C-alpha atoms as a PDB file:
ATOM      1  CA  MET A   1      48.753  20.495 110.947  1.00  0.00           C
ATOM      2  CA  GLN A   2      51.870  19.613 109.022  1.00  0.00           C
ATOM      3  CA  ILE A   3      53.531  22.175 106.749  1.00  0.00           C
ATOM      4  CA  SER A   4      54.872  20.813 103.470  1.00  0.00           C
ATOM      5  CA  ARG A   5      58.493  21.484 102.487  1.00  0.00           C
ATOM      6  CA  ARG A   6      57.307  23.625  99.588  1.00  0.00           C
ATOM      7  CA  ASN A   7      55.078  25.780 101.770  1.00  0.00           C
ATOM      8  CA  LEU A   8      57.785  26.017 104.411  1.00  0.00           C
ATOM      9  CA  LEU A   9      60.262  27.326 101.824  1.00  0.00           C
ATOM     10  CA  LYS A  10      57.656  29.829 100.633  1.00  0.00           C
ATOM     11  CA  ALA A  11      57.122  31.022 104.176  1.00  0.00           C
ATOM     12  CA  VAL A  12      60.852  31.289 104.836  1.00  0.00           C
ATOM     13  CA  GLY A  13      61.286  33.161 101.547  1.00  0.00           C
ATOM     14  CA  ALA A  14      58.506  35.563 102.389  1.00  0.00           C
ATOM     15  CA  ILE A  15      59.973  36.220 105.816  1.00  0.00           C
ATOM     16  CA  GLY A  16      63.387  36.760 104.199  1.00  0.00           C
ATOM     17  CA  ALA A  17      61.948  39.211 101.689  1.00  0.00           C
ATOM     18  CA  VAL A  18      60.239  41.169 104.425  1.00  0.00           C
ATOM     19  CA  THR A  19      63.480  41.175 106.423  1.00  0.00           C
ATOM     20  CA  ILE A  20      65.496  42.407 103.417  1.00  0.00           C
ATOM     21  CA  THR A  21      62.912  45.092 102.661  1.00  0.00           C
ATOM     22  CA  ALA A  22      62.849  46.199 106.275  1.00  0.00           C
ATOM     23  CA  THR A  23      66.650  46.243 106.400  1.00  0.00           C
ATOM     24  CA  ALA A  24      66.874  48.278 103.187  1.00  0.00           C
ATOM     25  CA  GLY A  25      64.263  50.675 104.512  1.00  0.00           C
ATOM     26  CA  ALA A  26      66.132  51.035 107.774  1.00  0.00           C
ATOM     27  CA  LYS A  27      69.380  51.730 105.919  1.00  0.00           C
ATOM     28  CA  LEU A  28      67.638  54.345 103.768  1.00  0.00           C
ATOM     29  CA  LEU A  29      66.179  56.050 106.823  1.00  0.00           C
ATOM     30  CA  THR A  30      69.568  55.916 108.530  1.00  0.00           C
ATOM     31  CA  HIS A  31      71.244  57.454 105.464  1.00  0.00           C
ATOM     32  CA  LYS A  32      68.647  60.229 105.284  1.00  0.00           C
ATOM     33  CA  ALA A  33      69.112  60.890 108.984  1.00  0.00           C
ATOM     34  CA  VAL A  34      72.898  61.131 108.523  1.00  0.00           C
ATOM     35  CA  VAL A  35      72.409  63.499 105.573  1.00  0.00           C
ATOM     36  CA  GLN A  36      70.103  65.755 107.558  1.00  0.00           C
ATOM     37  CA  ILE A  37      72.457  65.736 110.544  1.00  0.00           C
ATOM     38  CA  ASN A  38      75.376  66.641 108.264  1.00  0.00           C
ATOM     39  CA  ARG A  39      73.372  69.417 106.658  1.00  0.00           C
ATOM     40  CA  ALA A  40      72.260  70.726 110.038  1.00  0.00           C
ATOM     41  CA  LYS A  41      75.912  70.887 111.099  1.00  0.00           C
ATOM     42  CA  ALA A  42      76.941  72.614 107.864  1.00  0.00           C
ATOM     43  CA  ALA A  43      77.463  76.329 108.129  1.00  0.00           C
ATOM     44  CA  ILE A  44      78.390  79.012 105.660  1.00  0.00           C
ATOM     45  CA  PRO A  45      81.331  81.157 106.734  1.00  0.00           C
ATOM     46  CA  LYS A  46      81.188  84.923 106.720  1.00  0.00           C
ATOM     47  CA  ALA A  47      81.942  86.318 103.281  1.00  0.00           C
ATOM     48  CA  LEU A  48      85.302  88.029 102.918  1.00  0.00           C
ATOM     49  CA  LYS A  49      83.580  91.197 101.654  1.00  0.00           C
ATOM     50  CA  PRO A  50      79.833  90.936 102.345  1.00  0.00           C
ATOM     51  CA  LEU A  51      77.518  92.839 100.034  1.00  0.00           C
ATOM     52  CA  ALA A  52      75.582  95.761 101.440  1.00  0.00           C
ATOM     53  CA  PRO A  53      71.969  95.083 102.477  1.00  0.00           C
ATOM     54  CA  PRO A  54      69.561  95.815  99.625  1.00  0.00           C
ATOM     55  CA  PRO A  55      67.550  99.066  99.673  1.00  0.00           C
ATOM     56  CA  PRO A  56      63.840  99.031 100.586  1.00  0.00           C
ATOM     57  CA  ASP A  57      62.079  96.623  98.242  1.00  0.00           C
ATOM     58  CA  PRO A  58      59.576  98.309  95.871  1.00  0.00           C
ATOM     59  CA  ALA A  59      57.621  95.034  95.870  1.00  0.00           C
ATOM     60  CA  LEU A  60      56.460  95.890  99.402  1.00  0.00           C
ATOM     61  CA  LYS A  61      54.446  98.772  97.950  1.00  0.00           C
ATOM     62  CA  THR A  62      53.349  97.121  94.704  1.00  0.00           C
ATOM     63  CA  PRO A  63      51.329  93.912  95.183  1.00  0.00           C
ATOM     64  CA  GLY A  64      52.190  91.315  92.559  1.00  0.00           C
ATOM     65  CA  LEU A  65      55.638  92.706  91.757  1.00  0.00           C
ATOM     66  CA  SER A  66      58.493  90.210  92.112  1.00  0.00           C
ATOM     67  CA  PRO A  67      60.730  91.014  95.093  1.00  0.00           C
ATOM     68  CA  PHE A  68      64.450  91.730  94.917  1.00  0.00           C
ATOM     69  CA  PHE A  69      65.193  88.161  95.958  1.00  0.00           C
ATOM     70  CA  THR A  70      63.148  85.040  95.253  1.00  0.00           C
ATOM     71  CA  SER A  71      62.697  83.064  98.467  1.00  0.00           C
ATOM     72  CA  ASN A  72      64.448  79.714  98.620  1.00  0.00           C
ATOM     73  CA  LYS A  73      61.151  77.839  98.916  1.00  0.00           C
ATOM     74  CA  ASP A  74      59.719  79.612  95.860  1.00  0.00           C
ATOM     75  CA  PHE A  75      62.815  79.365  93.666  1.00  0.00           C
ATOM     76  CA  PHE A  76      62.117  77.398  90.493  1.00  0.00           C
ATOM     77  CA  ARG A  77      63.557  73.920  90.163  1.00  0.00           C
ATOM     78  CA  ILE A  78      64.411  72.380  86.807  1.00  0.00           C
ATOM     79  CA  ASP A  79      66.712  69.344  86.674  1.00  0.00           C
ATOM     80  CA  THR A  80      66.872  65.706  85.590  1.00  0.00           C
ATOM     81  CA  ALA A  81      66.703  64.207  89.089  1.00  0.00           C
ATOM     82  CA  PHE A  82      63.549  62.160  89.807  1.00  0.00           C
ATOM     83  CA  THR A  83      64.170  62.641  93.509  1.00  0.00           C
ATOM     84  CA  ILE A  84      66.385  65.137  95.303  1.00  0.00           C
ATOM     85  CA  PRO A  85      69.773  63.462  95.914  1.00  0.00           C
ATOM     86  CA  GLN A  86      70.571  62.742  99.561  1.00  0.00           C
ATOM     87  CA  ILE A  87      74.283  63.452  99.967  1.00  0.00           C
ATOM     88  CA  SER A  88      76.328  62.647 103.033  1.00  0.00           C
ATOM     89  CA  LEU A  89      79.377  64.795 103.710  1.00  0.00           C
ATOM     90  CA  ASP A  90      81.102  61.699 105.089  1.00  0.00           C
ATOM     91  CA  ASN A  91      81.950  60.602 101.546  1.00  0.00           C
ATOM     92  CA  TRP A  92      81.352  63.725  99.449  1.00  0.00           C
ATOM     93  CA  LYS A  93      84.222  65.561  97.808  1.00  0.00           C
ATOM     94  CA  LEU A  94      84.676  67.951  94.925  1.00  0.00           C
ATOM     95  CA  GLU A  95      87.240  66.968  92.312  1.00  0.00           C
ATOM     96  CA  ILE A  96      88.745  69.098  89.542  1.00  0.00           C
ATOM     97  CA  VAL A  97      90.258  66.784  86.948  1.00  0.00           C
ATOM     98  CA  GLY A  98      90.735  66.287  83.215  1.00  0.00           C
ATOM     99  CA  LEU A  99      93.043  68.463  81.127  1.00  0.00           C
ATOM    100  CA  VAL A 100      94.814  69.918  84.159  1.00  0.00           C
ATOM    101  CA  SER A 101      98.349  69.705  85.506  1.00  0.00           C
ATOM    102  CA  ASN A 102      97.299  69.913  89.144  1.00  0.00           C
ATOM    103  CA  PRO A 103      94.156  67.856  89.933  1.00  0.00           C
ATOM    104  CA  ILE A 104      92.298  69.037  93.015  1.00  0.00           C
ATOM    105  CA  SER A 105      90.188  67.168  95.560  1.00  0.00           C
ATOM    106  CA  LEU A 106      88.361  69.025  98.330  1.00  0.00           C
ATOM    107  CA  THR A 107      86.177  67.879 101.184  1.00  0.00           C
ATOM    108  CA  TYR A 108      83.297  70.119 102.203  1.00  0.00           C
ATOM    109  CA  ASP A 109      85.271  71.492 105.151  1.00  0.00           C
ATOM    110  CA  GLN A 110      88.225  72.235 102.881  1.00  0.00           C
ATOM    111  CA  LEU A 111      85.949  73.918 100.357  1.00  0.00           C
ATOM    112  CA  ILE A 112      84.246  76.269 102.824  1.00  0.00           C
ATOM    113  CA  ALA A 113      87.587  77.069 104.459  1.00  0.00           C
ATOM    114  CA  ARG A 114      88.493  78.995 101.315  1.00  0.00           C
ATOM    115  CA  PRO A 115      87.580  82.708 101.013  1.00  0.00           C
ATOM    116  CA  THR A 116      83.945  83.204 100.019  1.00  0.00           C
ATOM    117  CA  PHE A 117      82.096  86.115  98.421  1.00  0.00           C
ATOM    118  CA  GLU A 118      78.498  87.109  97.734  1.00  0.00           C
ATOM    119  CA  LEU A 119      76.824  87.536  94.369  1.00  0.00           C
ATOM    120  CA  ASP A 120      73.404  88.924  93.459  1.00  0.00           C
ATOM    121  CA  ASP A 121      72.506  87.007  90.321  1.00  0.00           C
ATOM    122  CA  THR A 122      69.445  86.097  88.299  1.00  0.00           C
ATOM    123  CA  ILE A 123      69.440  82.590  86.867  1.00  0.00           C
ATOM    124  CA  SER A 124      67.053  81.478  84.157  1.00  0.00           C
ATOM    125  CA  CYS A 125      66.133  78.189  82.556  1.00  0.00           C
ATOM    126  CA  VAL A 126      66.586  78.119  78.788  1.00  0.00           C
ATOM    127  CA  SER A 127      63.079  76.639  78.554  1.00  0.00           C
ATOM    128  CA  ASN A 128      61.541  79.744  80.123  1.00  0.00           C
ATOM    129  CA  GLU A 129      58.872  81.065  77.771  1.00  0.00           C
ATOM    130  CA  VAL A 130      58.472  84.800  77.157  1.00  0.00           C
ATOM    131  CA  GLY A 131      56.797  86.044  80.327  1.00  0.00           C
ATOM    132  CA  GLY A 132      57.486  82.730  82.073  1.00  0.00           C
ATOM    133  CA  THR A 133      58.364  81.971  85.687  1.00  0.00           C
ATOM    134  CA  LEU A 134      61.346  79.636  85.283  1.00  0.00           C
ATOM    135  CA  ILE A 135      63.641  82.347  86.584  1.00  0.00           C
ATOM    136  CA  GLY A 136      64.685  83.654  89.977  1.00  0.00           C
ATOM    137  CA  ASN A 137      67.028  86.070  91.668  1.00  0.00           C
ATOM    138  CA  ALA A 138      69.036  85.308  94.794  1.00  0.00           C
ATOM    139  CA  ARG A 139      71.992  86.418  96.850  1.00  0.00           C
ATOM    140  CA  TRP A 140      74.428  83.542  96.450  1.00  0.00           C
ATOM    141  CA  GLN A 141      77.552  82.859  98.500  1.00  0.00           C
ATOM    142  CA  GLY A 142      80.458  80.730  97.400  1.00  0.00           C
ATOM    143  CA  ILE A 143      84.036  80.293  96.289  1.00  0.00           C
ATOM    144  CA  ARG A 144      85.437  81.868  93.125  1.00  0.00           C
ATOM    145  CA  LEU A 145      85.452  79.300  90.357  1.00  0.00           C
ATOM    146  CA  ASP A 146      88.202  81.015  88.382  1.00  0.00           C
ATOM    147  CA  ASP A 147      90.565  80.765  91.376  1.00  0.00           C
ATOM    148  CA  LEU A 148      89.998  77.013  91.616  1.00  0.00           C
ATOM    149  CA  ILE A 149      90.405  76.477  87.874  1.00  0.00           C
ATOM    150  CA  LYS A 150      93.575  78.555  87.804  1.00  0.00           C
ATOM    151  CA  GLU A 151      94.936  76.505  90.697  1.00  0.00           C
ATOM    152  CA  ALA A 152      94.248  73.310  88.756  1.00  0.00           C
ATOM    153  CA  GLN A 153      96.405  74.656  85.879  1.00  0.00           C
ATOM    154  CA  PRO A 154      94.360  73.875  82.733  1.00  0.00           C
ATOM    155  CA  HIS A 155      96.212  72.597  79.688  1.00  0.00           C
ATOM    156  CA  ALA A 156      96.533  74.952  76.750  1.00  0.00           C
ATOM    157  CA  ASP A 157      94.106  72.878  74.636  1.00  0.00           C
ATOM    158  CA  ALA A 158      91.301  72.853  77.225  1.00  0.00           C
ATOM    159  CA  ASP A 159      88.335  75.005  76.180  1.00  0.00           C
ATOM    160  CA  GLN A 160      85.404  73.636  78.205  1.00  0.00           C
ATOM    161  CA  ILE A 161      84.516  73.348  81.898  1.00  0.00           C
ATOM    162  CA  MET A 162      82.180  70.422  82.523  1.00  0.00           C
ATOM    163  CA  GLY A 163      80.322  70.025  85.803  1.00  0.00           C
ATOM    164  CA  TYR A 164      78.998  66.621  86.887  1.00  0.00           C
ATOM    165  CA  SER A 165      76.197  65.987  89.365  1.00  0.00           C
ATOM    166  CA  VAL A 166      75.887  62.983  91.665  1.00  0.00           C
ATOM    167  CA  ASP A 167      72.763  61.999  89.671  1.00  0.00           C
ATOM    168  CA  GLY A 168      74.711  61.769  86.389  1.00  0.00           C
ATOM    169  CA  PHE A 169      73.763  65.158  84.935  1.00  0.00           C
ATOM    170  CA  SER A 170      76.473  67.142  83.174  1.00  0.00           C
ATOM    171  CA  ALA A 171      76.713  70.703  81.851  1.00  0.00           C
ATOM    172  CA  GLY A 172      79.618  72.339  80.023  1.00  0.00           C
ATOM    173  CA  PHE A 173      80.478  75.949  79.276  1.00  0.00           C
ATOM    174  CA  PRO A 174      83.440  77.751  77.700  1.00  0.00           C
ATOM    175  CA  LEU A 175      86.592  78.148  79.772  1.00  0.00           C
ATOM    176  CA  ALA A 176      86.696  81.608  78.194  1.00  0.00           C
ATOM    177  CA  ALA A 177      83.550  82.504  80.181  1.00  0.00           C
ATOM    178  CA  LEU A 178      85.818  82.860  83.214  1.00  0.00           C
ATOM    179  CA  ASP A 179      86.632  86.359  82.006  1.00  0.00           C
ATOM    180  CA  GLY A 180      86.462  88.106  85.354  1.00  0.00           C
ATOM    181  CA  ARG A 181      82.731  87.601  85.944  1.00  0.00           C
ATOM    182  CA  ASP A 182      81.819  86.273  89.387  1.00  0.00           C
ATOM    183  CA  ALA A 183      81.366  82.595  88.576  1.00  0.00           C
ATOM    184  CA  MET A 184      81.212  80.574  91.772  1.00  0.00           C
ATOM    185  CA  ILE A 185      80.919  77.252  93.520  1.00  0.00           C
ATOM    186  CA  VAL A 186      77.820  78.002  95.576  1.00  0.00           C
ATOM    187  CA  ILE A 187      77.459  76.916  99.203  1.00  0.00           C
ATOM    188  CA  GLY A 188      74.873  79.465 100.398  1.00  0.00           C
ATOM    189  CA  MET A 189      71.643  80.989  99.143  1.00  0.00           C
ATOM    190  CA  ASN A 190      69.861  84.033 100.552  1.00  0.00           C
ATOM    191  CA  GLY A 191      71.792  83.853 103.816  1.00  0.00           C
ATOM    192  CA  GLU A 192      71.199  80.145 104.395  1.00  0.00           C
ATOM    193  CA  VAL A 193      73.091  76.944 103.698  1.00  0.00           C
ATOM    194  CA  LEU A 194      72.292  75.951 100.102  1.00  0.00           C
ATOM    195  CA  PRO A 195      68.975  74.040 100.246  1.00  0.00           C
ATOM    196  CA  ASP A 196      68.825  70.374  99.198  1.00  0.00           C
ATOM    197  CA  ARG A 197      66.467  71.110  96.304  1.00  0.00           C
ATOM    198  CA  ASN A 198      68.779  73.826  95.004  1.00  0.00           C
ATOM    199  CA  GLY A 199      71.886  71.663  94.896  1.00  0.00           C
ATOM    200  CA  TRP A 200      73.359  71.109  98.375  1.00  0.00           C
ATOM    201  CA  PRO A 201      76.184  70.740  99.230  1.00  0.00           C
ATOM    202  CA  ALA A 202      77.520  72.671  96.212  1.00  0.00           C
ATOM    203  CA  ARG A 203      76.497  73.858  92.774  1.00  0.00           C
ATOM    204  CA  ILE A 204      77.857  76.070  89.998  1.00  0.00           C
ATOM    205  CA  ILE A 205      76.575  79.538  89.081  1.00  0.00           C
ATOM    206  CA  VAL A 206      77.988  81.384  86.053  1.00  0.00           C
ATOM    207  CA  PRO A 207      76.446  84.843  85.559  1.00  0.00           C
ATOM    208  CA  GLY A 208      75.197  85.423  82.042  1.00  0.00           C
ATOM    209  CA  LEU A 209      74.748  81.755  81.101  1.00  0.00           C
ATOM    210  CA  TYR A 210      71.595  79.654  81.070  1.00  0.00           C
ATOM    211  CA  GLY A 211      71.531  76.872  83.640  1.00  0.00           C
ATOM    212  CA  TYR A 212      71.497  74.031  81.109  1.00  0.00           C
ATOM    213  CA  VAL A 213      75.138  74.739  80.202  1.00  0.00           C
ATOM    214  CA  SER A 214      76.424  75.851  83.586  1.00  0.00           C
ATOM    215  CA  ALA A 215      74.331  75.470  86.730  1.00  0.00           C
ATOM    216  CA  THR A 216      75.217  71.930  87.787  1.00  0.00           C
ATOM    217  CA  LYS A 217      73.560  71.100  91.110  1.00  0.00           C
ATOM    218  CA  TRP A 218      74.674  68.431  93.614  1.00  0.00           C
ATOM    219  CA  LEU A 219      78.129  68.965  92.172  1.00  0.00           C
ATOM    220  CA  MET A 220      80.790  66.312  92.660  1.00  0.00           C
ATOM    221  CA  ARG A 221      83.276  66.773  89.809  1.00  0.00           C
ATOM    222  CA  ILE A 222      84.546  69.459  87.469  1.00  0.00           C
ATOM    223  CA  GLU A 223      86.398  68.337  84.367  1.00  0.00           C
ATOM    224  CA  LEU A 224      88.511  70.476  82.058  1.00  0.00           C
ATOM    225  CA  THR A 225      87.853  69.133  78.595  1.00  0.00           C
ATOM    226  CA  ARG A 226      87.121  70.172  75.005  1.00  0.00           C
ATOM    227  CA  PHE A 227      83.891  70.878  73.134  1.00  0.00           C
ATOM    228  CA  ASP A 228      85.010  68.611  70.293  1.00  0.00           C
ATOM    229  CA  GLN A 229      85.414  65.719  72.744  1.00  0.00           C
ATOM    230  CA  LYS A 230      82.487  65.910  75.173  1.00  0.00           C
ATOM    231  CA  HIS A 231      78.976  67.331  75.337  1.00  0.00           C
ATOM    232  CA  GLY A 232      76.855  68.178  78.349  1.00  0.00           C
ATOM    233  CA  TYR A 233      73.565  66.342  78.893  1.00  0.00           C
ATOM    234  CA  TRP A 234      71.264  68.719  76.987  1.00  0.00           C
ATOM    235  CA  ILE A 235      73.522  69.295  73.974  1.00  0.00           C
ATOM    236  CA  ASP A 236      72.840  65.828  72.581  1.00  0.00           C
ATOM    237  CA  GLN A 237      69.111  66.542  73.037  1.00  0.00           C
ATOM    238  CA  GLY A 238      69.284  69.305  70.413  1.00  0.00           C
ATOM    239  CA  TRP A 239      70.043  72.381  72.510  1.00  0.00           C
ATOM    240  CA  SER A 240      72.704  74.908  71.566  1.00  0.00           C
ATOM    241  CA  GLU A 241      76.270  74.287  72.703  1.00  0.00           C
ATOM    242  CA  ARG A 242      76.655  77.821  74.070  1.00  0.00           C
ATOM    243  CA  GLY A 243      73.944  79.362  76.229  1.00  0.00           C
ATOM    244  CA  PRO A 244      74.189  83.115  76.868  1.00  0.00           C
ATOM    245  CA  ILE A 245      71.106  84.495  78.625  1.00  0.00           C
ATOM    246  CA  LYS A 246      68.992  86.708  76.375  1.00  0.00           C
ATOM    247  CA  THR A 247      67.557  90.068  77.427  1.00  0.00           C
ATOM    248  CA  GLN A 248      63.949  89.669  78.521  1.00  0.00           C
ATOM    249  CA  SER A 249      61.218  91.585  80.343  1.00  0.00           C
ATOM    250  CA  ARG A 250      58.077  90.366  82.064  1.00  0.00           C
ATOM    251  CA  ILE A 251      54.802  91.881  83.235  1.00  0.00           C
ATOM    252  CA  ASP A 252      54.086  90.582  86.742  1.00  0.00           C
ATOM    253  CA  THR A 253      50.941  92.573  87.383  1.00  0.00           C
ATOM    254  CA  PRO A 254      48.191  92.754  86.224  1.00  0.00           C
ATOM    255  CA  SER A 255      47.864  89.103  85.264  1.00  0.00           C
ATOM    256  CA  ASN A 256      47.200  87.956  81.739  1.00  0.00           C
ATOM    257  CA  ASN A 257      43.519  87.545  80.842  1.00  0.00           C
ATOM    258  CA  GLY A 258      42.577  88.964  84.231  1.00  0.00           C
ATOM    259  CA  GLU A 259      39.918  91.445  85.207  1.00  0.00           C
ATOM    260  CA  LEU A 260      40.624  94.700  87.019  1.00  0.00           C
ATOM    261  CA  SER A 261      38.702  97.682  88.243  1.00  0.00           C
ATOM    262  CA  VAL A 262      38.427 100.867  86.226  1.00  0.00           C
ATOM    263  CA  GLY A 263      40.726 103.548  87.607  1.00  0.00           C
ATOM    264  CA  PRO A 264      44.369 103.969  88.613  1.00  0.00           C
ATOM    265  CA  ILE A 265      46.486 100.828  88.891  1.00  0.00           C
ATOM    266  CA  ALA A 266      50.167  99.927  88.604  1.00  0.00           C
ATOM    267  CA  ILE A 267      51.600  97.914  85.741  1.00  0.00           C
ATOM    268  CA  ALA A 268      54.803  96.356  87.046  1.00  0.00           C
ATOM    269  CA  GLY A 269      57.335  93.624  86.463  1.00  0.00           C
ATOM    270  CA  VAL A 270      60.980  92.701  86.107  1.00  0.00           C
ATOM    271  CA  ALA A 271      63.577  92.655  83.325  1.00  0.00           C
ATOM    272  CA  TRP A 272      67.039  91.130  83.005  1.00  0.00           C
ATOM    273  CA  ALA A 273      70.027  91.013  80.687  1.00  0.00           C
ATOM    274  CA  ALA A 274      73.057  88.749  80.666  1.00  0.00           C
ATOM    275  CA  LEU A 275      75.739  90.916  82.260  1.00  0.00           C
ATOM    276  CA  THR A 276      74.944  94.520  81.369  1.00  0.00           C
ATOM    277  CA  GLY A 277      71.885  95.259  83.488  1.00  0.00           C
ATOM    278  CA  ILE A 278      68.780  97.090  82.314  1.00  0.00           C
ATOM    279  CA  SER A 279      68.824 100.774  81.325  1.00  0.00           C
ATOM    280  CA  LYS A 280      65.254 101.346  80.111  1.00  0.00           C
ATOM    281  CA  ILE A 281      61.773  99.814  80.173  1.00  0.00           C
ATOM    282  CA  GLU A 282      58.946 100.874  77.892  1.00  0.00           C
ATOM    283  CA  ILE A 283      55.248 100.021  78.044  1.00  0.00           C
ATOM    284  CA  LYS A 284      52.719 100.152  75.230  1.00  0.00           C
ATOM    285  CA  ILE A 285      48.998 100.110  76.048  1.00  0.00           C
ATOM    286  CA  ASP A 286      46.768  99.352  73.084  1.00  0.00           C
ATOM    287  CA  ASN A 287      47.777 101.693  70.225  1.00  0.00           C
ATOM    288  CA  GLN A 288      49.059 104.478  72.439  1.00  0.00           C
ATOM    289  CA  PRO A 289      52.698 105.667  72.187  1.00  0.00           C
ATOM    290  CA  TRP A 290      55.353 103.843  74.165  1.00  0.00           C
ATOM    291  CA  ARG A 291      55.739 105.127  77.725  1.00  0.00           C
ATOM    292  CA  THR A 292      58.951 104.946  79.769  1.00  0.00           C
ATOM    293  CA  ALA A 293      58.522 103.110  83.064  1.00  0.00           C
ATOM    294  CA  THR A 294      60.163 103.898  86.375  1.00  0.00           C
ATOM    295  CA  LEU A 295      63.115 101.630  87.136  1.00  0.00           C
ATOM    296  CA  GLY A 296      63.694 100.199  90.581  1.00  0.00           C
ATOM    297  CA  PRO A 297      67.131 100.209  92.248  1.00  0.00           C
ATOM    298  CA  GLU A 298      69.923  98.364  90.453  1.00  0.00           C
ATOM    299  CA  ILE A 299      71.378  96.014  93.068  1.00  0.00           C
ATOM    300  CA  ALA A 300      73.679  94.392  90.490  1.00  0.00           C
ATOM    301  CA  LYS A 301      74.022  94.281  86.727  1.00  0.00           C
ATOM    302  CA  THR A 302      73.693  90.512  87.024  1.00  0.00           C
ATOM    303  CA  SER A 303      70.312  90.808  88.775  1.00  0.00           C
ATOM    304  CA  TRP A 304      66.880  91.435  87.392  1.00  0.00           C
ATOM    305  CA  ARG A 305      65.547  94.961  87.727  1.00  0.00           C
ATOM    306  CA  GLN A 306      62.069  95.899  88.852  1.00  0.00           C
ATOM    307  CA  TRP A 307      59.990  98.454  86.988  1.00  0.00           C
ATOM    308  CA  TRP A 308      56.512  99.992  87.218  1.00  0.00           C
ATOM    309  CA  ILE A 309      54.242 102.560  85.652  1.00  0.00           C
ATOM    310  CA  ASP A 310      50.925 104.117  86.700  1.00  0.00           C
ATOM    311  CA  TRP A 311      47.936 103.595  84.452  1.00  0.00           C
ATOM    312  CA  ASN A 312      44.406 104.936  84.627  1.00  0.00           C
ATOM    313  CA  ALA A 313      42.488 101.938  83.314  1.00  0.00           C
ATOM    314  CA  THR A 314      39.403 102.704  81.264  1.00  0.00           C
ATOM    315  CA  LYS A 315      36.486 100.337  80.781  1.00  0.00           C
ATOM    316  CA  GLY A 316      36.985  97.624  78.205  1.00  0.00           C
ATOM    317  CA  ASN A 317      39.602  95.230  76.870  1.00  0.00           C
ATOM    318  CA  HIS A 318      43.228  96.285  76.710  1.00  0.00           C
ATOM    319  CA  ARG A 319      46.513  94.934  75.391  1.00  0.00           C
ATOM    320  CA  ILE A 320      49.744  95.702  77.265  1.00  0.00           C
ATOM    321  CA  THR A 321      53.282  95.083  75.953  1.00  0.00           C
ATOM    322  CA  VAL A 322      56.671  95.549  77.585  1.00  0.00           C
ATOM    323  CA  ARG A 323      60.149  95.838  76.077  1.00  0.00           C
ATOM    324  CA  ALA A 324      63.578  96.335  77.658  1.00  0.00           C
ATOM    325  CA  THR A 325      66.819  98.014  76.689  1.00  0.00           C
ATOM    326  CA  ASP A 326      69.986  96.558  78.187  1.00  0.00           C
ATOM    327  CA  GLY A 327      72.870  98.432  79.796  1.00  0.00           C
ATOM    328  CA  ASP A 328      74.666  98.727  76.445  1.00  0.00           C
ATOM    329  CA  GLY A 329      71.657 100.450  74.861  1.00  0.00           C
ATOM    330  CA  LYS A 330      70.523  97.392  72.882  1.00  0.00           C
ATOM    331  CA  LEU A 331      66.762  96.857  72.589  1.00  0.00           C
ATOM    332  CA  GLN A 332      65.575  93.324  73.289  1.00  0.00           C
ATOM    333  CA  SER A 333      64.518  91.343  70.258  1.00  0.00           C
ATOM    334  CA  GLN A 334      60.895  91.548  69.134  1.00  0.00           C
ATOM    335  CA  ALA A 335      61.211  88.418  66.995  1.00  0.00           C
ATOM    336  CA  ASN A 336      59.000  85.539  68.092  1.00  0.00           C
ATOM    337  CA  VAL A 337      61.652  82.874  68.705  1.00  0.00           C
ATOM    338  CA  PRO A 338      60.857  79.516  70.403  1.00  0.00           C
ATOM    339  CA  ILE A 339      62.855  78.219  73.352  1.00  0.00           C
ATOM    340  CA  LEU A 340      64.662  75.519  71.335  1.00  0.00           C
ATOM    341  CA  PRO A 341      67.621  75.591  70.738  1.00  0.00           C
ATOM    342  CA  ASN A 342      68.952  78.547  72.760  1.00  0.00           C
ATOM    343  CA  GLY A 343      66.134  80.401  74.509  1.00  0.00           C
ATOM    344  CA  ALA A 344      62.945  82.304  73.681  1.00  0.00           C
ATOM    345  CA  GLU A 345      62.767  85.837  72.332  1.00  0.00           C
ATOM    346  CA  GLY A 346      59.925  88.308  72.004  1.00  0.00           C
ATOM    347  CA  TRP A 347      58.091  91.093  73.810  1.00  0.00           C
ATOM    348  CA  HIS A 348      55.798  89.955  76.621  1.00  0.00           C
ATOM    349  CA  THR A 349      52.206  90.951  75.901  1.00  0.00           C
ATOM    350  CA  ILE A 350      49.113  90.465  78.048  1.00  0.00           C
ATOM    351  CA  ASN A 351      45.393  91.107  77.670  1.00  0.00           C
ATOM    352  CA  VAL A 352      43.237  92.495  80.478  1.00  0.00           C
ATOM    353  CA  LYS A 353      39.664  93.637  80.957  1.00  0.00           C
ATOM    354  CA  ALA A 354      38.745  96.677  83.032  1.00  0.00           C
ATOM    355  CA  ILE A 355      35.217  96.577  84.500  1.00  0.00           C
END
């Protein structure tokens, strides 16, 4: 059987397309393999002054209470990446550019060769609703951001630090936020190399600021710039230009609209404030007076704080509300404020039924 020229060209084209697809797939698999090999080889150095191990975790005795540290696999993920970027250290570098007199460029090996420190810090998404779960606490390890910025010698007119991700995301925060707080370029999380999904090989953490203005993951460039010249990704979407974390408290257990047995139970949860820590937690059950809860250990003022209170549940429907007071003695706002443009406010309230 003879094959016409037209059909022959179709067949050749089809074979070529399959070959190209197979080649592209092979290259992608090879790239992913290189990335995983690079990540497997990556190691976090010992911190210059490691933090002390945390005390016994109250969550071990109170089912449903959030632990001191959120596990890496359970840590919330909010970003603009459709897929987790696959970054090879062969061509990755961190640049500090813009309104600086001394631009900096660092390979991964050069970055981790610098002194590192540990930080216990709670980070929250600005879109976290009152009582929501878009928040987590971890022990981070990294390099001081203020040291790097100082080394780059910002110009006098620079007022914004903008981080850029390999996927095109950008987030900017005030240069003035480097006021001595432990802002860092993160390379480790809970004793492990920073996971891919959490921003490997490097990300930014700035205590006290929501992630949408600061926590750039898969970091590749830091630019010193000005607020009147550039905006981070979410600012043009209607979110506030500055993003300080608001004081909030959450009831972890019992669960909202859940049923529980009549008798003694624990009401427990976590609370957090920007930089001051938590000094007091109060619980209101139905129309009873406010009761002061027991506070768990304070591992850092930048970390959430656990709390709990014993309750003898009686039969019927009940309403439970929590409110927090920060380390400066300021009571969290009761106002019902939506997440847009700069974070939700309000006292977390749940309903339960004792049977």
